[in-house]
Amino acid sequence: MKKYYLFLFFFYAIITMCSMVFVILDSLGLDFFSLMTDWWILRKFLFSMSLLTCSLLILLVLLWVLVDDSIKRDLNQNLRRILNNQPISLETETEVDRNLQRLSNKVNRLTTNLQNTENAYILNSQEIVKQERKRIARDLHDTVSQELFASAMMISGLSQSLSQLSHEQLQLQLRAVEDVISSAQNDLRIMLLHLRPTELEGRTLSEGLDMILRELTDKSNIEVVYRKEVSKLPKVIEDNLFRIAQEFISNTLKHAQASRLEVYLIQTETEAQLKMVDNGRGFDMNAVRELSYGLTNIQERVDDLAGTMKFLSSPGNGVSMDVRLPIVKGQRNGEH
């Protein structure tokens, strides 16, 4: 409480006590001299003062409780209206009321911004899903569908000229059909590998990379080279490096047309390094890049962990990515 209010409180108390003394003395027809000389009268005076003081205190307490309850009710009602994003009603212009009004305005702005953000996120998500569906349909048409159509046409041609073909020619034609169907099957496996997300699910980063690289080798014609020198990393670093590796592999499958992928996972005392290189067609980093969405995801993960990323590519020379994430002192034993 401010000193000014304390001074007013004591000043009011002194005036009230003086007024009470004067009223009692006047009502009893007494003066200060008779009080000092007559013990019985002094006792009556003190008893009357005590009763009157207690009554006034009780009255003040009751008034304070009523006023405080009323203030709390109004405050609670306004807070409830703020939480429900409703306008508040203020009857006074106190500092508390002004703060409530500012709080109400801020909550309204936050709610509006949140709704706009959510709507934009939903629209953006819907657009991403729509574009991804178009891309999958285009990839299926350009690869698997075309290859299956070609194999169907080849088989149809064989069936019509079967009697005119020698045994060697028939074997040659059937082998060509087999190659086309095998290529379609391989393309379909690659698409499924790209579409199916994988989690670490209790594995270490090294074990998770072993799994997805082994699956990549089994379901594609890409040669994989994997080198690792890593112990136990903090969980947050493992999760993000795993996602970064998935993003790079996904882009290699979709765009690179690579035949070789190199993965290096190195851990030192102060940092974790993930280096990935493919020998695909690469791209011009100064031009508009079709990998920009994936690169943005990778860059955001690296930035979130205060790491660095070097990305090199040029047309015909593949892609190289070098990610380094710092390991702080409290994380070296695998702490989260």
Protein backbone atom coordinates (compact mmCIF):
# COMPACT_ATOMS: atom_id res chain seq x y z
CA MET A 1 0.00 0.00 0.00
CA LYS A 2 1.28 3.49 -0.79
CA LYS A 3 2.33 5.82 2.04
CA TYR A 4 -0.29 8.30 0.91
CA TYR A 5 -3.09 5.80 1.54
CA LEU A 6 -1.63 4.82 4.93
CA PHE A 7 -1.54 8.45 5.95
CA LEU A 8 -5.18 8.93 4.91
CA PHE A 9 -6.17 5.79 6.80
CA PHE A 10 -4.54 6.90 10.06
CA PHE A 11 -5.88 10.42 9.66
CA TYR A 12 -9.40 9.06 9.21
CA ALA A 13 -8.98 6.78 12.25
CA ILE A 14 -7.84 9.69 14.45
CA ILE A 15 -10.75 11.90 13.34
CA THR A 16 -13.22 9.06 13.93
CA MET A 17 -11.89 8.35 17.42
CA CYS A 18 -11.98 12.05 18.34
CA SER A 19 -15.55 12.29 17.05
CA MET A 20 -16.58 9.25 19.07
CA VAL A 21 -15.03 10.67 22.24
CA PHE A 22 -16.77 13.99 21.72
CA VAL A 23 -20.19 12.35 21.05
CA ILE A 24 -19.98 10.14 24.11
CA LEU A 25 -18.86 12.93 26.41
CA ASP A 26 -21.54 15.21 25.09
CA SER A 27 -24.31 12.59 25.38
CA LEU A 28 -23.33 11.80 28.97
CA GLY A 29 -22.85 15.42 29.92
CA LEU A 30 -19.26 14.87 30.94
CA ASP A 31 -15.92 16.63 30.53
CA PHE A 32 -12.28 15.54 30.68
CA PHE A 33 -11.84 16.76 34.27
CA SER A 34 -14.69 14.58 35.60
CA LEU A 35 -13.24 11.59 33.72
CA MET A 36 -9.88 12.05 35.36
CA THR A 37 -11.35 12.42 38.84
CA ASP A 38 -14.14 9.82 38.85
CA TRP A 39 -13.02 6.21 38.28
CA TRP A 40 -16.57 4.89 37.85
CA ILE A 41 -17.37 7.38 35.13
CA LEU A 42 -14.07 6.59 33.40
CA ARG A 43 -14.94 2.88 33.36
CA LYS A 44 -18.33 3.59 31.81
CA PHE A 45 -16.71 5.82 29.22
CA LEU A 46 -14.11 3.23 28.28
CA PHE A 47 -16.76 0.50 28.08
CA SER A 48 -18.91 2.64 25.77
CA MET A 49 -15.91 3.43 23.61
CA SER A 50 -15.03 -0.26 23.32
CA LEU A 51 -18.56 -1.24 22.31
CA LEU A 52 -18.82 1.54 19.79
CA THR A 53 -15.38 0.74 18.34
CA CYS A 54 -16.23 -2.96 18.00
CA SER A 55 -19.52 -2.11 16.31
CA LEU A 56 -17.83 0.20 13.84
CA LEU A 57 -15.12 -2.37 13.12
CA ILE A 58 -17.69 -5.08 12.49
CA LEU A 59 -19.62 -2.74 10.22
CA LEU A 60 -16.47 -1.82 8.30
CA VAL A 61 -15.52 -5.49 7.93
CA LEU A 62 -18.98 -6.35 6.63
CA LEU A 63 -18.85 -3.45 4.18
CA TRP A 64 -15.38 -4.52 3.06
CA VAL A 65 -16.53 -8.12 2.51
CA LEU A 66 -19.54 -6.96 0.51
CA VAL A 67 -17.49 -4.56 -1.61
CA ASP A 68 -14.74 -7.14 -2.13
CA ASP A 69 -17.26 -9.81 -3.10
CA SER A 70 -18.91 -7.46 -5.55
CA ILE A 71 -15.56 -6.53 -7.10
CA LYS A 72 -14.56 -10.19 -7.36
CA ARG A 73 -17.89 -11.09 -8.97
CA ASP A 74 -17.48 -8.35 -11.58
CA LEU A 75 -13.87 -9.33 -12.18
CA ASN A 76 -14.75 -13.02 -12.49
CA GLN A 77 -17.61 -12.24 -14.86
CA ASN A 78 -15.36 -10.12 -17.07
CA LEU A 79 -12.65 -12.79 -17.06
CA ARG A 80 -15.23 -15.39 -18.06
CA ARG A 81 -16.40 -13.14 -20.89
CA ILE A 82 -12.77 -12.65 -21.99
CA LEU A 83 -12.23 -16.43 -22.04
CA ASN A 84 -15.41 -16.81 -24.09
CA ASN A 85 -14.16 -14.09 -26.46
CA GLN A 86 -17.09 -11.82 -25.59
CA PRO A 87 -17.01 -8.05 -25.06
CA ILE A 88 -16.70 -6.91 -21.44
CA SER A 89 -18.70 -4.24 -19.64
CA LEU A 90 -16.79 -1.76 -17.48
CA GLU A 91 -18.59 0.73 -15.25
CA THR A 92 -15.49 2.51 -13.92
CA GLU A 93 -12.17 3.70 -15.26
CA THR A 94 -9.80 2.22 -12.68
CA GLU A 95 -6.39 0.80 -13.53
CA VAL A 96 -7.75 -2.75 -13.13
CA ASP A 97 -10.55 -2.02 -15.58
CA ARG A 98 -8.11 -0.58 -18.10
CA ASN A 99 -5.91 -3.65 -17.77
CA LEU A 100 -8.94 -5.89 -18.27
CA GLN A 101 -9.86 -3.98 -21.40
CA ARG A 102 -6.32 -4.34 -22.74
CA LEU A 103 -6.39 -8.04 -21.90
CA SER A 104 -9.72 -8.45 -23.69
CA ASN A 105 -8.41 -6.67 -26.79
CA LYS A 106 -5.25 -8.79 -26.80
CA VAL A 107 -7.19 -12.05 -26.44
CA ASN A 108 -9.47 -10.99 -29.30
CA ARG A 109 -6.46 -10.25 -31.50
CA LEU A 110 -4.80 -13.54 -30.57
CA THR A 111 -7.99 -15.46 -31.27
CA THR A 112 -8.40 -13.76 -34.63
CA ASN A 113 -4.76 -14.40 -35.56
CA LEU A 114 -5.04 -18.03 -34.43
CA GLN A 115 -8.16 -18.57 -36.49
CA ASN A 116 -6.53 -16.99 -39.53
CA THR A 117 -3.42 -19.13 -39.01
CA GLU A 118 -5.48 -22.31 -38.59
CA ASN A 119 -7.50 -21.52 -41.69
CA ALA A 120 -4.35 -20.83 -43.67
CA TYR A 121 -2.79 -24.05 -42.35
CA ILE A 122 -5.86 -26.08 -43.32
CA LEU A 123 -5.97 -24.54 -46.77
CA ASN A 124 -2.24 -25.06 -47.19
CA SER A 125 -2.52 -28.68 -46.00
CA GLN A 126 -5.37 -29.31 -48.39
CA GLU A 127 -3.37 -27.78 -51.23
CA ILE A 128 -0.33 -29.92 -50.32
CA VAL A 129 -2.49 -33.07 -50.28
CA LYS A 130 -4.02 -32.07 -53.61
CA GLN A 131 -0.62 -31.44 -55.19
CA GLU A 132 0.77 -34.67 -53.75
CA ARG A 133 -2.13 -36.64 -55.20
CA LYS A 134 -1.51 -35.06 -58.58
CA ARG A 135 2.18 -35.87 -58.34
CA ILE A 136 1.50 -39.50 -57.41
CA ALA A 137 -1.00 -39.83 -60.26
CA ARG A 138 1.52 -38.27 -62.66
CA ASP A 139 4.32 -40.54 -61.45
CA LEU A 140 2.13 -43.60 -61.77
CA HIS A 141 1.11 -42.58 -65.29
CA ASP A 142 4.63 -41.70 -66.41
CA THR A 143 6.28 -44.83 -65.03
CA VAL A 144 4.25 -47.83 -63.89
CA SER A 145 1.21 -47.21 -66.08
CA GLN A 146 3.29 -46.65 -69.22
CA GLU A 147 5.42 -49.71 -68.55
CA LEU A 148 2.39 -51.92 -67.90
CA PHE A 149 0.74 -50.57 -71.05
CA ALA A 150 3.89 -51.33 -73.05
CA SER A 151 4.10 -54.86 -71.67
CA ALA A 152 0.41 -55.42 -72.48
CA MET A 153 0.96 -54.25 -76.06
CA MET A 154 4.02 -56.50 -76.39
CA ILE A 155 2.09 -59.54 -75.11
CA SER A 156 -0.80 -58.71 -77.47
CA GLY A 157 1.61 -58.57 -80.39
CA LEU A 158 3.15 -61.86 -79.37
CA SER A 159 -0.23 -63.55 -79.18
CA GLN A 160 -1.10 -62.45 -82.71
CA SER A 161 2.22 -63.54 -84.26
CA LEU A 162 2.93 -66.54 -82.06
CA SER A 163 2.76 -69.05 -84.91
CA GLN A 164 5.23 -67.02 -86.99
CA LEU A 165 7.97 -66.74 -84.34
CA SER A 166 10.77 -69.18 -83.79
CA HIS A 167 11.61 -70.52 -80.37
CA GLU A 168 14.57 -68.16 -80.00
CA GLN A 169 12.55 -65.11 -81.11
CA LEU A 170 9.79 -66.02 -78.67
CA GLN A 171 12.26 -66.28 -75.81
CA LEU A 172 13.77 -62.92 -76.75
CA GLN A 173 10.36 -61.22 -76.86
CA LEU A 174 9.26 -62.79 -73.55
CA ARG A 175 12.52 -61.67 -71.92
CA ALA A 176 11.84 -58.11 -73.11
CA VAL A 177 8.32 -58.27 -71.62
CA GLU A 178 9.81 -59.61 -68.37
CA ASP A 179 12.28 -56.71 -68.25
CA VAL A 180 9.51 -54.16 -68.72
CA ILE A 181 7.34 -55.73 -66.01
CA SER A 182 10.36 -55.96 -63.64
CA SER A 183 11.05 -52.28 -64.27
CA ALA A 184 7.41 -51.41 -63.47
CA GLN A 185 7.58 -53.48 -60.29
CA ASN A 186 10.81 -51.77 -59.25
CA ASP A 187 9.33 -48.31 -59.89
CA LEU A 188 6.28 -49.21 -57.83
CA ARG A 189 8.45 -50.41 -54.94
CA ILE A 190 10.41 -47.17 -55.02
CA MET A 191 7.18 -45.14 -54.88
CA LEU A 192 5.87 -47.21 -51.96
CA LEU A 193 9.19 -46.82 -50.15
CA HIS A 194 8.93 -43.07 -50.57
CA LEU A 195 5.30 -42.89 -49.46
CA ARG A 196 5.53 -45.14 -46.39
CA PRO A 197 6.89 -43.17 -43.39
CA THR A 198 9.16 -44.94 -40.93
CA GLU A 199 9.70 -44.17 -37.26
CA LEU A 200 12.68 -45.01 -35.06
CA GLU A 201 10.29 -46.82 -32.68
CA GLY A 202 12.79 -47.46 -29.91
CA ARG A 203 15.76 -48.01 -32.23
CA THR A 204 18.93 -45.96 -32.19
CA LEU A 205 19.70 -43.68 -35.11
CA SER A 206 22.28 -46.15 -36.43
CA GLU A 207 19.78 -49.02 -36.30
CA GLY A 208 17.08 -46.90 -37.98
CA LEU A 209 19.42 -45.92 -40.83
CA ASP A 210 20.48 -49.57 -41.20
CA MET A 211 16.82 -50.49 -41.63
CA ILE A 212 15.80 -47.90 -44.22
CA LEU A 213 19.04 -48.26 -46.21
CA ARG A 214 18.64 -52.03 -46.30
CA GLU A 215 15.06 -51.57 -47.51
CA LEU A 216 16.30 -49.08 -50.11
CA THR A 217 18.82 -51.63 -51.37
CA ASP A 218 16.21 -54.39 -51.50
CA LYS A 219 13.59 -52.34 -53.33
CA SER A 220 15.67 -50.34 -55.77
CA ASN A 221 18.73 -50.62 -57.95
CA ILE A 222 20.61 -47.97 -55.96
CA GLU A 223 23.99 -49.00 -54.57
CA VAL A 224 24.28 -47.90 -50.94
CA VAL A 225 27.53 -47.15 -49.08
CA TYR A 226 27.07 -46.66 -45.34
CA ARG A 227 29.82 -45.70 -42.90
CA LYS A 228 29.18 -44.98 -39.23
CA GLU A 229 31.21 -44.00 -36.19
CA VAL A 230 28.58 -43.22 -33.61
CA SER A 231 27.66 -44.24 -30.06
CA LYS A 232 24.54 -42.94 -28.31
CA LEU A 233 23.20 -39.55 -29.29
CA PRO A 234 20.54 -37.43 -27.53
CA LYS A 235 17.04 -38.48 -28.58
CA VAL A 236 16.15 -35.11 -30.11
CA ILE A 237 19.26 -35.19 -32.32
CA GLU A 238 18.61 -38.81 -33.36
CA ASP A 239 14.99 -38.06 -34.32
CA ASN A 240 15.89 -35.01 -36.39
CA LEU A 241 18.86 -36.63 -38.14
CA PHE A 242 16.66 -39.62 -38.99
CA ARG A 243 14.02 -37.33 -40.51
CA ILE A 244 16.70 -35.42 -42.43
CA ALA A 245 18.07 -38.68 -43.84
CA GLN A 246 14.56 -39.76 -44.85
CA GLU A 247 13.99 -36.45 -46.61
CA PHE A 248 17.25 -36.74 -48.56
CA ILE A 249 16.52 -40.37 -49.55
CA SER A 250 13.01 -39.37 -50.60
CA ASN A 251 14.33 -36.61 -52.85
CA THR A 252 16.94 -38.99 -54.29
CA LEU A 253 14.20 -41.49 -55.18
CA LYS A 254 11.89 -38.86 -56.66
CA HIS A 255 14.26 -36.64 -58.57
CA ALA A 256 17.88 -37.74 -58.71
CA GLN A 257 17.78 -40.86 -60.94
CA ALA A 258 20.87 -41.91 -58.98
CA SER A 259 22.59 -45.30 -59.00
CA ARG A 260 24.70 -44.74 -55.87
CA LEU A 261 24.05 -43.24 -52.45
CA GLU A 262 26.71 -42.65 -49.80
CA VAL A 263 25.80 -42.11 -46.14
CA TYR A 264 28.30 -41.14 -43.43
CA LEU A 265 27.26 -40.82 -39.79
CA ILE A 266 30.05 -39.52 -37.55
CA GLN A 267 29.95 -38.53 -33.89
CA THR A 268 32.64 -36.53 -32.10
CA GLU A 269 32.75 -35.15 -28.57
CA THR A 270 31.11 -31.89 -29.59
CA GLU A 271 28.96 -32.63 -32.65
CA ALA A 272 27.08 -35.17 -34.75
CA GLN A 273 27.68 -35.18 -38.50
CA LEU A 274 25.44 -36.65 -41.21
CA LYS A 275 26.84 -36.53 -44.73
CA MET A 276 24.87 -37.89 -47.70
CA VAL A 277 25.95 -37.91 -51.35
CA ASP A 278 24.24 -39.25 -54.47
CA ASN A 279 25.49 -39.43 -58.05
CA GLY A 280 22.21 -38.36 -59.63
CA ARG A 281 21.43 -35.68 -62.13
CA GLY A 282 21.75 -32.85 -59.59
CA PHE A 283 20.26 -29.41 -60.16
CA ASP A 284 21.18 -25.76 -60.50
CA MET A 285 21.17 -24.27 -56.99
CA ASN A 286 20.82 -20.74 -58.40
CA ALA A 287 17.66 -21.63 -60.30
CA VAL A 288 14.20 -22.54 -59.08
CA ARG A 289 14.65 -25.93 -57.42
CA GLU A 290 12.07 -28.68 -57.33
CA LEU A 291 13.75 -29.90 -54.14
CA SER A 292 13.15 -26.60 -52.35
CA TYR A 293 10.29 -27.95 -50.20
CA GLY A 294 12.42 -30.81 -48.91
CA LEU A 295 15.42 -28.54 -48.43
CA THR A 296 13.27 -26.16 -46.41
CA ASN A 297 12.21 -28.98 -44.08
CA ILE A 298 15.84 -30.01 -43.61
CA GLN A 299 17.01 -26.43 -43.01
CA GLU A 300 14.29 -25.84 -40.41
CA ARG A 301 15.29 -28.96 -38.47
CA VAL A 302 18.96 -27.94 -38.57
CA ASP A 303 18.14 -24.39 -37.44
CA ASP A 304 16.00 -25.67 -34.56
CA LEU A 305 19.04 -27.49 -33.17
CA ALA A 306 21.48 -24.62 -33.82
CA GLY A 307 23.34 -26.68 -36.41
CA THR A 308 24.88 -25.98 -39.80
CA MET A 309 24.15 -27.41 -43.23
CA LYS A 310 26.18 -27.33 -46.45
CA PHE A 311 24.36 -28.29 -49.62
CA LEU A 312 26.19 -28.63 -52.92
CA SER A 313 24.82 -29.58 -56.33
CA SER A 314 25.13 -28.82 -60.00
CA PRO A 315 23.49 -30.32 -63.11
CA GLY A 316 24.91 -33.76 -63.83
CA ASN A 317 27.10 -33.89 -60.70
CA GLY A 318 24.72 -35.24 -58.07
CA VAL A 319 23.91 -33.78 -54.67
CA SER A 320 25.99 -33.52 -51.49
CA MET A 321 24.61 -32.62 -48.05
CA ASP A 322 26.68 -32.13 -44.89
CA VAL A 323 24.71 -31.58 -41.66
CA ARG A 324 26.43 -30.91 -38.34
CA LEU A 325 24.54 -30.61 -35.05
CA PRO A 326 26.26 -29.50 -31.83
CA ILE A 327 26.17 -31.76 -28.75
CA VAL A 328 26.07 -29.69 -25.59
CA LYS A 329 27.77 -30.87 -22.41
CA GLY A 330 24.61 -32.16 -20.71
CA GLN A 331 23.60 -34.16 -23.80
CA ARG A 332 26.73 -36.24 -24.34
CA ASN A 333 25.45 -39.18 -22.34
CA GLY A 334 22.25 -39.36 -24.34
CA GLU A 335 20.14 -37.05 -22.19
CA HIS A 336 17.00 -35.65 -23.77
